[in-house]
Amino acid sequence: MTDPAWPTDLKLHQQSRLLEVHFDDGRQFQFSCEFLRVHSPSAEVQGHGPGQKVLQVGKQHVGIKAINPVGNYAVQIEFDDGHNTGLYSWRTLYEFGVNQEQMWADYLTALAAAGASRSNA
C-alpha cells in the first residue's frame, strides 16, 4: 500500500469493547479491544526482531482506558491492563482491518498450540 487511506472517524464503544475506524476510501473496520491488545505493535508484544513475538494470553476482557493522538500519523492506546506502549499508525490500523480475519485465526491457533487461553481465569 503506497498511499495509505486517511482516517475520517474513530469511535470507541466502551460497552461492547470495540474500536471503530472509518477511512476516506470508504472502508471501515471494527476491532475488539482484545484484538488490538494482542496485536499491539509495541516491542513488548512484537519483540525486537523476527521470531521474538510474545504470545498474549488472558486478554479476552481487556478494555481501552484512553486513546491519545500522536502527531497526525498514529494513536497511542492505553489499555486497562496497564499496557500503553504501542503506537498504532493509520497504516497499521488499515492493514489490521484488511488482514483482521487471518490475524485472528492465527492468534487462536497460536493460543491452542501453547495450551493457553483468551480468558484470564
PDB file of N, CA and C in Angstrom:
ATOM      1  N   MET A   1       0.855  -1.166   0.000  1.00  0.00           N
ATOM      2  CA  MET A   1       0.000   0.000   0.000  1.00  0.00           C
ATOM      3  C   MET A   1       0.902   1.229   0.000  1.00  0.00           C
ATOM      4  N   THR A   2       0.882   1.978  -1.093  1.00  0.00           N
ATOM      5  CA  THR A   2       1.766   3.125  -1.199  1.00  0.00           C
ATOM      6  C   THR A   2       1.164   4.369  -0.565  1.00  0.00           C
ATOM      7  N   ASP A   3      -0.076   4.673  -0.859  1.00  0.00           N
ATOM      8  CA  ASP A   3      -0.753   5.819  -0.253  1.00  0.00           C
ATOM      9  C   ASP A   3      -1.800   5.305   0.718  1.00  0.00           C
ATOM     10  N   PRO A   4      -1.488   5.328   2.011  1.00  0.00           N
ATOM     11  CA  PRO A   4      -2.454   4.799   2.966  1.00  0.00           C
ATOM     12  C   PRO A   4      -3.708   5.673   3.020  1.00  0.00           C
ATOM     13  N   ALA A   5      -4.814   5.022   3.244  1.00  0.00           N
ATOM     14  CA  ALA A   5      -6.061   5.759   3.428  1.00  0.00           C
ATOM     15  C   ALA A   5      -5.946   6.565   4.721  1.00  0.00           C
ATOM     16  N   TRP A   6      -6.688   7.646   4.782  1.00  0.00           N
ATOM     17  CA  TRP A   6      -6.649   8.538   5.935  1.00  0.00           C
ATOM     18  C   TRP A   6      -7.904   8.298   6.787  1.00  0.00           C
ATOM     19  N   PRO A   7      -7.768   8.253   8.108  1.00  0.00           N
ATOM     20  CA  PRO A   7      -8.941   8.032   8.949  1.00  0.00           C
ATOM     21  C   PRO A   7      -9.844   9.260   8.953  1.00  0.00           C
ATOM     22  N   THR A   8     -11.130   9.008   8.909  1.00  0.00           N
ATOM     23  CA  THR A   8     -12.098  10.108   8.967  1.00  0.00           C
ATOM     24  C   THR A   8     -12.888  10.085  10.267  1.00  0.00           C
ATOM     25  N   ASP A   9     -12.890   8.956  10.958  1.00  0.00           N
ATOM     26  CA  ASP A   9     -13.631   8.853  12.208  1.00  0.00           C
ATOM     27  C   ASP A   9     -13.062   7.706  13.034  1.00  0.00           C
ATOM     28  N   LEU A  10     -13.027   7.926  14.328  1.00  0.00           N
ATOM     29  CA  LEU A  10     -12.523   6.938  15.278  1.00  0.00           C
ATOM     30  C   LEU A  10     -13.488   6.955  16.457  1.00  0.00           C
ATOM     31  N   LYS A  11     -14.144   5.832  16.720  1.00  0.00           N
ATOM     32  CA  LYS A  11     -15.126   5.766  17.805  1.00  0.00           C
ATOM     33  C   LYS A  11     -14.837   4.568  18.693  1.00  0.00           C
ATOM     34  N   LEU A  12     -14.764   4.833  19.985  1.00  0.00           N
ATOM     35  CA  LEU A  12     -14.603   3.755  20.953  1.00  0.00           C
ATOM     36  C   LEU A  12     -15.960   3.458  21.568  1.00  0.00           C
ATOM     37  N   HIS A  13     -16.373   2.211  21.470  1.00  0.00           N
ATOM     38  CA  HIS A  13     -17.629   1.754  22.069  1.00  0.00           C
ATOM     39  C   HIS A  13     -17.250   0.994  23.338  1.00  0.00           C
ATOM     40  N   GLN A  14     -17.342   1.668  24.485  1.00  0.00           N
ATOM     41  CA  GLN A  14     -16.884   1.099  25.759  1.00  0.00           C
ATOM     42  C   GLN A  14     -17.650  -0.178  26.131  1.00  0.00           C
ATOM     43  N   GLN A  15     -18.973  -0.151  26.000  1.00  0.00           N
ATOM     44  CA  GLN A  15     -19.791  -1.307  26.418  1.00  0.00           C
ATOM     45  C   GLN A  15     -19.414  -2.576  25.666  1.00  0.00           C
ATOM     46  N   SER A  16     -19.320  -2.460  24.347  1.00  0.00           N
ATOM     47  CA  SER A  16     -19.015  -3.642  23.529  1.00  0.00           C
ATOM     48  C   SER A  16     -17.511  -3.858  23.368  1.00  0.00           C
ATOM     49  N   ARG A  17     -16.709  -2.941  23.910  1.00  0.00           N
ATOM     50  CA  ARG A  17     -15.245  -3.007  23.813  1.00  0.00           C
ATOM     51  C   ARG A  17     -14.797  -3.139  22.356  1.00  0.00           C
ATOM     52  N   LEU A  18     -15.314  -2.222  21.519  1.00  0.00           N
ATOM     53  CA  LEU A  18     -14.955  -2.188  20.101  1.00  0.00           C
ATOM     54  C   LEU A  18     -14.448  -0.801  19.722  1.00  0.00           C
ATOM     55  N   LEU A  19     -13.420  -0.777  18.893  1.00  0.00           N
ATOM     56  CA  LEU A  19     -12.936   0.466  18.311  1.00  0.00           C
ATOM     57  C   LEU A  19     -13.309   0.432  16.835  1.00  0.00           C
ATOM     58  N   GLU A  20     -14.022   1.454  16.415  1.00  0.00           N
ATOM     59  CA  GLU A  20     -14.484   1.558  15.034  1.00  0.00           C
ATOM     60  C   GLU A  20     -13.650   2.638  14.340  1.00  0.00           C
ATOM     61  N   VAL A  21     -13.102   2.297  13.180  1.00  0.00           N
ATOM     62  CA  VAL A  21     -12.276   3.249  12.425  1.00  0.00           C
ATOM     63  C   VAL A  21     -12.805   3.333  10.998  1.00  0.00           C
ATOM     64  N   HIS A  22     -13.088   4.567  10.558  1.00  0.00           N
ATOM     65  CA  HIS A  22     -13.541   4.820   9.194  1.00  0.00           C
ATOM     66  C   HIS A  22     -12.407   5.494   8.428  1.00  0.00           C
ATOM     67  N   PHE A  23     -12.222   5.096   7.169  1.00  0.00           N
ATOM     68  CA  PHE A  23     -11.178   5.671   6.334  1.00  0.00           C
ATOM     69  C   PHE A  23     -11.780   6.387   5.135  1.00  0.00           C
ATOM     70  N   ASP A  24     -11.000   7.312   4.562  1.00  0.00           N
ATOM     71  CA  ASP A  24     -11.508   8.145   3.476  1.00  0.00           C
ATOM     72  C   ASP A  24     -11.712   7.398   2.161  1.00  0.00           C
ATOM     73  N   ASP A  25     -11.314   6.136   2.090  1.00  0.00           N
ATOM     74  CA  ASP A  25     -11.583   5.353   0.888  1.00  0.00           C
ATOM     75  C   ASP A  25     -12.901   4.585   1.012  1.00  0.00           C
ATOM     76  N   GLY A  26     -13.642   4.867   2.095  1.00  0.00           N
ATOM     77  CA  GLY A  26     -14.938   4.231   2.300  1.00  0.00           C
ATOM     78  C   GLY A  26     -14.896   2.974   3.149  1.00  0.00           C
ATOM     79  N   ARG A  27     -13.709   2.468   3.427  1.00  0.00           N
ATOM     80  CA  ARG A  27     -13.610   1.258   4.252  1.00  0.00           C
ATOM     81  C   ARG A  27     -13.745   1.627   5.716  1.00  0.00           C
ATOM     82  N   GLN A  28     -14.330   0.705   6.452  1.00  0.00           N
ATOM     83  CA  GLN A  28     -14.418   0.878   7.894  1.00  0.00           C
ATOM     84  C   GLN A  28     -14.197  -0.470   8.547  1.00  0.00           C
ATOM     85  N   PHE A  29     -13.594  -0.412   9.719  1.00  0.00           N
ATOM     86  CA  PHE A  29     -13.245  -1.631  10.423  1.00  0.00           C
ATOM     87  C   PHE A  29     -13.641  -1.498  11.886  1.00  0.00           C
ATOM     88  N   GLN A  30     -13.989  -2.626  12.484  1.00  0.00           N
ATOM     89  CA  GLN A  30     -14.235  -2.693  13.918  1.00  0.00           C
ATOM     90  C   GLN A  30     -13.243  -3.675  14.510  1.00  0.00           C
ATOM     91  N   PHE A  31     -12.579  -3.219  15.566  1.00  0.00           N
ATOM     92  CA  PHE A  31     -11.596  -4.056  16.240  1.00  0.00           C
ATOM     93  C   PHE A  31     -12.020  -4.246  17.688  1.00  0.00           C
ATOM     94  N   SER A  32     -11.963  -5.476  18.156  1.00  0.00           N
ATOM     95  CA  SER A  32     -12.183  -5.679  19.587  1.00  0.00           C
ATOM     96  C   SER A  32     -10.959  -5.144  20.316  1.00  0.00           C
ATOM     97  N   CYS A  33     -11.154  -4.719  21.537  1.00  0.00           N
ATOM     98  CA  CYS A  33     -10.030  -4.265  22.355  1.00  0.00           C
ATOM     99  C   CYS A  33      -9.020  -5.402  22.497  1.00  0.00           C
ATOM    100  N   GLU A  34      -9.535  -6.611  22.630  1.00  0.00           N
ATOM    101  CA  GLU A  34      -8.659  -7.779  22.748  1.00  0.00           C
ATOM    102  C   GLU A  34      -7.777  -7.923  21.512  1.00  0.00           C
ATOM    103  N   PHE A  35      -8.363  -7.803  20.334  1.00  0.00           N
ATOM    104  CA  PHE A  35      -7.587  -7.915  19.094  1.00  0.00           C
ATOM    105  C   PHE A  35      -6.457  -6.883  19.080  1.00  0.00           C
ATOM    106  N   LEU A  36      -6.794  -5.634  19.383  1.00  0.00           N
ATOM    107  CA  LEU A  36      -5.783  -4.578  19.371  1.00  0.00           C
ATOM    108  C   LEU A  36      -4.698  -4.823  20.412  1.00  0.00           C
ATOM    109  N   ARG A  37      -5.096  -5.342  21.564  1.00  0.00           N
ATOM    110  CA  ARG A  37      -4.123  -5.580  22.641  1.00  0.00           C
ATOM    111  C   ARG A  37      -3.163  -6.711  22.283  1.00  0.00           C
ATOM    112  N   VAL A  38      -3.687  -7.822  21.765  1.00  0.00           N
ATOM    113  CA  VAL A  38      -2.820  -8.972  21.487  1.00  0.00           C
ATOM    114  C   VAL A  38      -1.957  -8.769  20.244  1.00  0.00           C
ATOM    115  N   HIS A  39      -2.321  -7.799  19.408  1.00  0.00           N
ATOM    116  CA  HIS A  39      -1.533  -7.488  18.218  1.00  0.00           C
ATOM    117  C   HIS A  39      -0.821  -6.145  18.348  1.00  0.00           C
ATOM    118  N   SER A  40      -0.662  -5.664  19.550  1.00  0.00           N
ATOM    119  CA  SER A  40      -0.015  -4.376  19.767  1.00  0.00           C
ATOM    120  C   SER A  40       1.303  -4.297  18.992  1.00  0.00           C
ATOM    121  N   PRO A  41       1.529  -3.160  18.332  1.00  0.00           N
ATOM    122  CA  PRO A  41       2.793  -3.007  17.609  1.00  0.00           C
ATOM    123  C   PRO A  41       3.987  -2.704  18.526  1.00  0.00           C
ATOM    124  N   SER A  42       3.793  -2.780  19.820  1.00  0.00           N
ATOM    125  CA  SER A  42       4.875  -2.488  20.776  1.00  0.00           C
ATOM    126  C   SER A  42       5.953  -3.568  20.746  1.00  0.00           C
ATOM    127  N   ALA A  43       7.150  -3.194  21.143  1.00  0.00           N
ATOM    128  CA  ALA A  43       8.248  -4.160  21.250  1.00  0.00           C
ATOM    129  C   ALA A  43       7.942  -5.202  22.326  1.00  0.00           C
ATOM    130  N   GLU A  44       7.200  -4.810  23.336  1.00  0.00           N
ATOM    131  CA  GLU A  44       6.819  -5.737  24.420  1.00  0.00           C
ATOM    132  C   GLU A  44       6.044  -6.933  23.863  1.00  0.00           C
ATOM    133  N   VAL A  45       5.235  -6.694  22.827  1.00  0.00           N
ATOM    134  CA  VAL A  45       4.446  -7.762  22.212  1.00  0.00           C
ATOM    135  C   VAL A  45       5.153  -8.339  20.988  1.00  0.00           C
ATOM    136  N   GLN A  46       5.668  -7.481  20.125  1.00  0.00           N
ATOM    137  CA  GLN A  46       6.259  -7.927  18.864  1.00  0.00           C
ATOM    138  C   GLN A  46       7.691  -8.429  19.009  1.00  0.00           C
ATOM    139  N   GLY A  47       8.343  -8.083  20.109  1.00  0.00           N
ATOM    140  CA  GLY A  47       9.743  -8.431  20.276  1.00  0.00           C
ATOM    141  C   GLY A  47      10.617  -7.412  19.569  1.00  0.00           C
ATOM    142  N   HIS A  48      11.910  -7.650  19.605  1.00  0.00           N
ATOM    143  CA  HIS A  48      12.854  -6.711  18.992  1.00  0.00           C
ATOM    144  C   HIS A  48      13.416  -7.229  17.682  1.00  0.00           C
ATOM    145  N   GLY A  49      12.888  -8.341  17.205  1.00  0.00           N
ATOM    146  CA  GLY A  49      13.366  -8.898  15.948  1.00  0.00           C
ATOM    147  C   GLY A  49      12.474 -10.049  15.509  1.00  0.00           C
ATOM    148  N   PRO A  50      12.735 -10.583  14.329  1.00  0.00           N
ATOM    149  CA  PRO A  50      11.932 -11.689  13.807  1.00  0.00           C
ATOM    150  C   PRO A  50      11.912 -12.880  14.778  1.00  0.00           C
ATOM    151  N   GLY A  51      10.733 -13.461  14.911  1.00  0.00           N
ATOM    152  CA  GLY A  51      10.595 -14.648  15.748  1.00  0.00           C
ATOM    153  C   GLY A  51      10.563 -14.376  17.239  1.00  0.00           C
ATOM    154  N   GLN A  52      10.499 -13.118  17.649  1.00  0.00           N
ATOM    155  CA  GLN A  52      10.503 -12.789  19.070  1.00  0.00           C
ATOM    156  C   GLN A  52       9.141 -12.364  19.599  1.00  0.00           C
ATOM    157  N   LYS A  53       8.097 -12.498  18.791  1.00  0.00           N
ATOM    158  CA  LYS A  53       6.757 -12.096  19.220  1.00  0.00           C
ATOM    159  C   LYS A  53       6.367 -12.866  20.478  1.00  0.00           C
ATOM    160  N   VAL A  54       5.757 -12.157  21.429  1.00  0.00           N
ATOM    161  CA  VAL A  54       5.346 -12.747  22.696  1.00  0.00           C
ATOM    162  C   VAL A  54       3.835 -12.983  22.661  1.00  0.00           C
ATOM    163  N   LEU A  55       3.420 -14.229  22.779  1.00  0.00           N
ATOM    164  CA  LEU A  55       2.011 -14.581  22.760  1.00  0.00           C
ATOM    165  C   LEU A  55       1.312 -13.959  23.967  1.00  0.00           C
ATOM    166  N   GLN A  56       0.262 -13.205  23.700  1.00  0.00           N
ATOM    167  CA  GLN A  56      -0.507 -12.550  24.754  1.00  0.00           C
ATOM    168  C   GLN A  56      -1.680 -13.455  25.147  1.00  0.00           C
ATOM    169  N   VAL A  57      -1.801 -13.750  26.416  1.00  0.00           N
ATOM    170  CA  VAL A  57      -2.866 -14.630  26.895  1.00  0.00           C
ATOM    171  C   VAL A  57      -3.705 -13.905  27.937  1.00  0.00           C
ATOM    172  N   GLY A  58      -4.929 -14.376  28.121  1.00  0.00           N
ATOM    173  CA  GLY A  58      -5.798 -13.821  29.157  1.00  0.00           C
ATOM    174  C   GLY A  58      -6.263 -12.410  28.890  1.00  0.00           C
ATOM    175  N   LYS A  59      -6.432 -12.033  27.639  1.00  0.00           N
ATOM    176  CA  LYS A  59      -6.791 -10.644  27.302  1.00  0.00           C
ATOM    177  C   LYS A  59      -8.234 -10.503  26.810  1.00  0.00           C
ATOM    178  N   GLN A  60      -9.032 -11.533  26.993  1.00  0.00           N
ATOM    179  CA  GLN A  60     -10.401 -11.540  26.461  1.00  0.00           C
ATOM    180  C   GLN A  60     -11.239 -10.359  26.957  1.00  0.00           C
ATOM    181  N   HIS A  61     -11.044  -9.930  28.192  1.00  0.00           N
ATOM    182  CA  HIS A  61     -11.890  -8.889  28.761  1.00  0.00           C
ATOM    183  C   HIS A  61     -11.186  -7.540  28.890  1.00  0.00           C
ATOM    184  N   VAL A  62     -10.047  -7.384  28.206  1.00  0.00           N
ATOM    185  CA  VAL A  62      -9.318  -6.123  28.285  1.00  0.00           C
ATOM    186  C   VAL A  62     -10.156  -5.004  27.649  1.00  0.00           C
ATOM    187  N   GLY A  63      -9.999  -3.820  28.203  1.00  0.00           N
ATOM    188  CA  GLY A  63     -10.689  -2.652  27.662  1.00  0.00           C
ATOM    189  C   GLY A  63      -9.695  -1.549  27.367  1.00  0.00           C
ATOM    190  N   ILE A  64     -10.191  -0.492  26.778  1.00  0.00           N
ATOM    191  CA  ILE A  64      -9.359   0.670  26.466  1.00  0.00           C
ATOM    192  C   ILE A  64      -9.734   1.798  27.414  1.00  0.00           C
ATOM    193  N   LYS A  65      -8.720   2.340  28.096  1.00  0.00           N
ATOM    194  CA  LYS A  65      -8.925   3.475  29.006  1.00  0.00           C
ATOM    195  C   LYS A  65      -8.847   4.805  28.280  1.00  0.00           C
ATOM    196  N   ALA A  66      -7.930   4.913  27.328  1.00  0.00           N
ATOM    197  CA  ALA A  66      -7.739   6.184  26.626  1.00  0.00           C
ATOM    198  C   ALA A  66      -7.114   5.944  25.263  1.00  0.00           C
ATOM    199  N   ILE A  67      -7.386   6.882  24.357  1.00  0.00           N
ATOM    200  CA  ILE A  67      -6.772   6.896  23.035  1.00  0.00           C
ATOM    201  C   ILE A  67      -6.172   8.282  22.860  1.00  0.00           C
ATOM    202  N   ASN A  68      -4.856   8.329  22.697  1.00  0.00           N
ATOM    203  CA  ASN A  68      -4.156   9.607  22.615  1.00  0.00           C
ATOM    204  C   ASN A  68      -3.547   9.798  21.230  1.00  0.00           C
ATOM    205  N   PRO A  69      -3.785  10.948  20.603  1.00  0.00           N
ATOM    206  CA  PRO A  69      -3.173  11.199  19.297  1.00  0.00           C
ATOM    207  C   PRO A  69      -1.659  11.337  19.412  1.00  0.00           C
ATOM    208  N   VAL A  70      -0.963  10.870  18.390  1.00  0.00           N
ATOM    209  CA  VAL A  70       0.491  11.017  18.300  1.00  0.00           C
ATOM    210  C   VAL A  70       0.742  11.699  16.949  1.00  0.00           C
ATOM    211  N   GLY A  71       1.028  12.987  17.000  1.00  0.00           N
ATOM    212  CA  GLY A  71       1.174  13.753  15.765  1.00  0.00           C
ATOM    213  C   GLY A  71      -0.084  13.616  14.937  1.00  0.00           C
ATOM    214  N   ASN A  72       0.084  13.516  13.631  1.00  0.00           N
ATOM    215  CA  ASN A  72      -1.083  13.299  12.774  1.00  0.00           C
ATOM    216  C   ASN A  72      -1.006  11.944  12.072  1.00  0.00           C
ATOM    217  N   TYR A  73      -0.217  11.030  12.652  1.00  0.00           N
ATOM    218  CA  TYR A  73       0.001   9.753  11.966  1.00  0.00           C
ATOM    219  C   TYR A  73      -0.387   8.519  12.773  1.00  0.00           C
ATOM    220  N   ALA A  74      -0.724   8.683  14.068  1.00  0.00           N
ATOM    221  CA  ALA A  74      -0.959   7.493  14.894  1.00  0.00           C
ATOM    222  C   ALA A  74      -1.739   7.847  16.151  1.00  0.00           C
ATOM    223  N   VAL A  75      -2.122   6.792  16.871  1.00  0.00           N
ATOM    224  CA  VAL A  75      -2.701   6.937  18.206  1.00  0.00           C
ATOM    225  C   VAL A  75      -1.983   5.972  19.142  1.00  0.00           C
ATOM    226  N   GLN A  76      -1.901   6.389  20.380  1.00  0.00           N
ATOM    227  CA  GLN A  76      -1.379   5.515  21.436  1.00  0.00           C
ATOM    228  C   GLN A  76      -2.601   5.069  22.227  1.00  0.00           C
ATOM    229  N   ILE A  77      -2.745   3.775  22.383  1.00  0.00           N
ATOM    230  CA  ILE A  77      -3.897   3.226  23.096  1.00  0.00           C
ATOM    231  C   ILE A  77      -3.459   2.789  24.481  1.00  0.00           C
ATOM    232  N   GLU A  78      -4.187   3.260  25.479  1.00  0.00           N
ATOM    233  CA  GLU A  78      -3.945   2.838  26.862  1.00  0.00           C
ATOM    234  C   GLU A  78      -4.997   1.803  27.228  1.00  0.00           C
ATOM    235  N   PHE A  79      -4.529   0.590  27.510  1.00  0.00           N
ATOM    236  CA  PHE A  79      -5.431  -0.495  27.870  1.00  0.00           C
ATOM    237  C   PHE A  79      -5.583  -0.566  29.377  1.00  0.00           C
ATOM    238  N   ASP A  80      -6.687  -1.133  29.840  1.00  0.00           N
ATOM    239  CA  ASP A  80      -6.940  -1.179  31.282  1.00  0.00           C
ATOM    240  C   ASP A  80      -6.113  -2.237  32.014  1.00  0.00           C
ATOM    241  N   ASP A  81      -5.281  -2.983  31.270  1.00  0.00           N
ATOM    242  CA  ASP A  81      -4.351  -3.909  31.938  1.00  0.00           C
ATOM    243  C   ASP A  81      -2.978  -3.261  32.135  1.00  0.00           C
ATOM    244  N   GLY A  82      -2.882  -1.967  31.832  1.00  0.00           N
ATOM    245  CA  GLY A  82      -1.649  -1.228  32.033  1.00  0.00           C
ATOM    246  C   GLY A  82      -0.782  -1.096  30.795  1.00  0.00           C
ATOM    247  N   HIS A  83      -1.073  -1.838  29.729  1.00  0.00           N
ATOM    248  CA  HIS A  83      -0.262  -1.759  28.514  1.00  0.00           C
ATOM    249  C   HIS A  83      -0.562  -0.444  27.791  1.00  0.00           C
ATOM    250  N   ASN A  84       0.494   0.286  27.418  1.00  0.00           N
ATOM    251  CA  ASN A  84       0.272   1.550  26.716  1.00  0.00           C
ATOM    252  C   ASN A  84       1.450   1.948  25.821  1.00  0.00           C
ATOM    253  N   THR A  85       2.252   0.993  25.412  1.00  0.00           N
ATOM    254  CA  THR A  85       3.462   1.352  24.676  1.00  0.00           C
ATOM    255  C   THR A  85       3.371   1.193  23.162  1.00  0.00           C
ATOM    256  N   GLY A  86       2.277   0.709  22.651  1.00  0.00           N
ATOM    257  CA  GLY A  86       2.172   0.543  21.200  1.00  0.00           C
ATOM    258  C   GLY A  86       1.660   1.794  20.516  1.00  0.00           C
ATOM    259  N   LEU A  87       2.272   2.164  19.407  1.00  0.00           N
ATOM    260  CA  LEU A  87       1.772   3.253  18.583  1.00  0.00           C
ATOM    261  C   LEU A  87       1.088   2.646  17.366  1.00  0.00           C
ATOM    262  N   TYR A  88      -0.185   2.927  17.227  1.00  0.00           N
ATOM    263  CA  TYR A  88      -0.990   2.380  16.142  1.00  0.00           C
ATOM    264  C   TYR A  88      -1.090   3.438  15.048  1.00  0.00           C
ATOM    265  N   SER A  89      -0.242   3.313  14.031  1.00  0.00           N
ATOM    266  CA  SER A  89      -0.291   4.274  12.926  1.00  0.00           C
ATOM    267  C   SER A  89      -1.565   4.020  12.121  1.00  0.00           C
ATOM    268  N   TRP A  90      -1.939   5.012  11.321  1.00  0.00           N
ATOM    269  CA  TRP A  90      -3.127   4.825  10.475  1.00  0.00           C
ATOM    270  C   TRP A  90      -2.899   3.666   9.518  1.00  0.00           C
ATOM    271  N   ARG A  91      -1.678   3.545   9.005  1.00  0.00           N
ATOM    272  CA  ARG A  91      -1.351   2.428   8.104  1.00  0.00           C
ATOM    273  C   ARG A  91      -1.524   1.093   8.826  1.00  0.00           C
ATOM    274  N   THR A  92      -1.034   1.020  10.070  1.00  0.00           N
ATOM    275  CA  THR A  92      -1.159  -0.218  10.851  1.00  0.00           C
ATOM    276  C   THR A  92      -2.617  -0.575  11.052  1.00  0.00           C
ATOM    277  N   LEU A  93      -3.436   0.399  11.448  1.00  0.00           N
ATOM    278  CA  LEU A  93      -4.861   0.121  11.669  1.00  0.00           C
ATOM    279  C   LEU A  93      -5.547  -0.324  10.378  1.00  0.00           C
ATOM    280  N   TYR A  94      -5.190   0.289   9.274  1.00  0.00           N
ATOM    281  CA  TYR A  94      -5.778  -0.104   7.998  1.00  0.00           C
ATOM    282  C   TYR A  94      -5.369  -1.536   7.653  1.00  0.00           C
ATOM    283  N   GLU A  95      -4.079  -1.826   7.788  1.00  0.00           N
ATOM    284  CA  GLU A  95      -3.607  -3.182   7.488  1.00  0.00           C
ATOM    285  C   GLU A  95      -4.204  -4.206   8.441  1.00  0.00           C
ATOM    286  N   PHE A  96      -4.363  -3.835   9.713  1.00  0.00           N
ATOM    287  CA  PHE A  96      -5.053  -4.719  10.660  1.00  0.00           C
ATOM    288  C   PHE A  96      -6.458  -5.017  10.142  1.00  0.00           C
ATOM    289  N   GLY A  97      -7.151  -3.980   9.680  1.00  0.00           N
ATOM    290  CA  GLY A  97      -8.519  -4.168   9.196  1.00  0.00           C
ATOM    291  C   GLY A  97      -8.582  -5.105   8.007  1.00  0.00           C
ATOM    292  N   VAL A  98      -7.715  -4.886   7.051  1.00  0.00           N
ATOM    293  CA  VAL A  98      -7.698  -5.714   5.845  1.00  0.00           C
ATOM    294  C   VAL A  98      -7.359  -7.164   6.182  1.00  0.00           C
ATOM    295  N   ASN A  99      -6.480  -7.365   7.150  1.00  0.00           N
ATOM    296  CA  ASN A  99      -5.992  -8.712   7.485  1.00  0.00           C
ATOM    297  C   ASN A  99      -6.558  -9.291   8.777  1.00  0.00           C
ATOM    298  N   GLN A 100      -7.560  -8.643   9.333  1.00  0.00           N
ATOM    299  CA  GLN A 100      -8.068  -8.999  10.656  1.00  0.00           C
ATOM    300  C   GLN A 100      -8.492 -10.465  10.779  1.00  0.00           C
ATOM    301  N   GLU A 101      -9.204 -10.959   9.815  1.00  0.00           N
ATOM    302  CA  GLU A 101      -9.716 -12.333   9.898  1.00  0.00           C
ATOM    303  C   GLU A 101      -8.569 -13.345  10.009  1.00  0.00           C
ATOM    304  N   GLN A 102      -7.550 -13.196   9.162  1.00  0.00           N
ATOM    305  CA  GLN A 102      -6.419 -14.128   9.191  1.00  0.00           C
ATOM    306  C   GLN A 102      -5.586 -13.938  10.453  1.00  0.00           C
ATOM    307  N   MET A 103      -5.388 -12.684  10.857  1.00  0.00           N
ATOM    308  CA  MET A 103      -4.611 -12.412  12.077  1.00  0.00           C
ATOM    309  C   MET A 103      -5.278 -13.051  13.289  1.00  0.00           C
ATOM    310  N   TRP A 104      -6.609 -12.950  13.363  1.00  0.00           N
ATOM    311  CA  TRP A 104      -7.344 -13.521  14.495  1.00  0.00           C
ATOM    312  C   TRP A 104      -7.247 -15.047  14.475  1.00  0.00           C
ATOM    313  N   ALA A 105      -7.397 -15.635  13.297  1.00  0.00           N
ATOM    314  CA  ALA A 105      -7.299 -17.096  13.176  1.00  0.00           C
ATOM    315  C   ALA A 105      -5.902 -17.572  13.587  1.00  0.00           C
ATOM    316  N   ASP A 106      -4.874 -16.848  13.162  1.00  0.00           N
ATOM    317  CA  ASP A 106      -3.503 -17.208  13.530  1.00  0.00           C
ATOM    318  C   ASP A 106      -3.286 -17.095  15.035  1.00  0.00           C
ATOM    319  N   TYR A 107      -3.876 -16.067  15.649  1.00  0.00           N
ATOM    320  CA  TYR A 107      -3.761 -15.884  17.095  1.00  0.00           C
ATOM    321  C   TYR A 107      -4.414 -17.053  17.837  1.00  0.00           C
ATOM    322  N   LEU A 108      -5.614 -17.421  17.424  1.00  0.00           N
ATOM    323  CA  LEU A 108      -6.316 -18.529  18.077  1.00  0.00           C
ATOM    324  C   LEU A 108      -5.546 -19.842  17.909  1.00  0.00           C
ATOM    325  N   THR A 109      -4.943 -20.040  16.754  1.00  0.00           N
ATOM    326  CA  THR A 109      -4.128 -21.231  16.514  1.00  0.00           C
ATOM    327  C   THR A 109      -2.912 -21.244  17.443  1.00  0.00           C
ATOM    328  N   ALA A 110      -2.257 -20.088  17.585  1.00  0.00           N
ATOM    329  CA  ALA A 110      -1.080 -19.994  18.463  1.00  0.00           C
ATOM    330  C   ALA A 110      -1.467 -20.243  19.921  1.00  0.00           C
ATOM    331  N   LEU A 111      -2.620 -19.713  20.336  1.00  0.00           N
ATOM    332  CA  LEU A 111      -3.096 -19.962  21.703  1.00  0.00           C
ATOM    333  C   LEU A 111      -3.302 -21.456  21.929  1.00  0.00           C
ATOM    334  N   ALA A 112      -4.000 -22.097  20.990  1.00  0.00           N
ATOM    335  CA  ALA A 112      -4.269 -23.530  21.116  1.00  0.00           C
ATOM    336  C   ALA A 112      -2.972 -24.333  21.156  1.00  0.00           C
ATOM    337  N   ALA A 113      -2.027 -23.989  20.304  1.00  0.00           N
ATOM    338  CA  ALA A 113      -0.759 -24.710  20.263  1.00  0.00           C
ATOM    339  C   ALA A 113       0.024 -24.562  21.567  1.00  0.00           C
ATOM    340  N   ALA A 114      -0.169 -23.425  22.235  1.00  0.00           N
ATOM    341  CA  ALA A 114       0.534 -23.171  23.505  1.00  0.00           C
ATOM    342  C   ALA A 114      -0.250 -23.699  24.687  1.00  0.00           C
ATOM    343  N   GLY A 115      -1.447 -24.219  24.441  1.00  0.00           N
ATOM    344  CA  GLY A 115      -2.292 -24.672  25.540  1.00  0.00           C
ATOM    345  C   GLY A 115      -2.738 -23.516  26.423  1.00  0.00           C
ATOM    346  N   ALA A 116      -2.844 -22.332  25.803  1.00  0.00           N
ATOM    347  CA  ALA A 116      -3.184 -21.111  26.548  1.00  0.00           C
ATOM    348  C   ALA A 116      -4.631 -20.720  26.275  1.00  0.00           C
ATOM    349  N   SER A 117      -5.076 -19.676  26.954  1.00  0.00           N
ATOM    350  CA  SER A 117      -6.473 -19.279  26.872  1.00  0.00           C
ATOM    351  C   SER A 117      -6.612 -17.770  26.692  1.00  0.00           C
ATOM    352  N   ARG A 118      -7.703 -17.390  26.059  1.00  0.00           N
ATOM    353  CA  ARG A 118      -8.046 -15.971  25.943  1.00  0.00           C
ATOM    354  C   ARG A 118      -8.506 -15.435  27.290  1.00  0.00           C
ATOM    355  N   SER A 119      -9.049 -16.303  28.115  1.00  0.00           N
ATOM    356  CA  SER A 119      -9.570 -15.910  29.425  1.00  0.00           C
ATOM    357  C   SER A 119      -8.430 -15.870  30.435  1.00  0.00           C
ATOM    358  N   ASN A 120      -8.534 -14.981  31.382  1.00  0.00           N
ATOM    359  CA  ASN A 120      -7.500 -14.922  32.423  1.00  0.00           C
ATOM    360  C   ASN A 120      -7.913 -15.709  33.656  1.00  0.00           C
ATOM    361  N   ALA A 121      -8.989 -16.480  33.528  1.00  0.00           N
ATOM    362  CA  ALA A 121      -9.439 -17.298  34.654  1.00  0.00           C
ATOM    363  C   ALA A 121      -8.752 -18.645  34.637  1.00  0.00           C
TER     364      ALA A 121
END
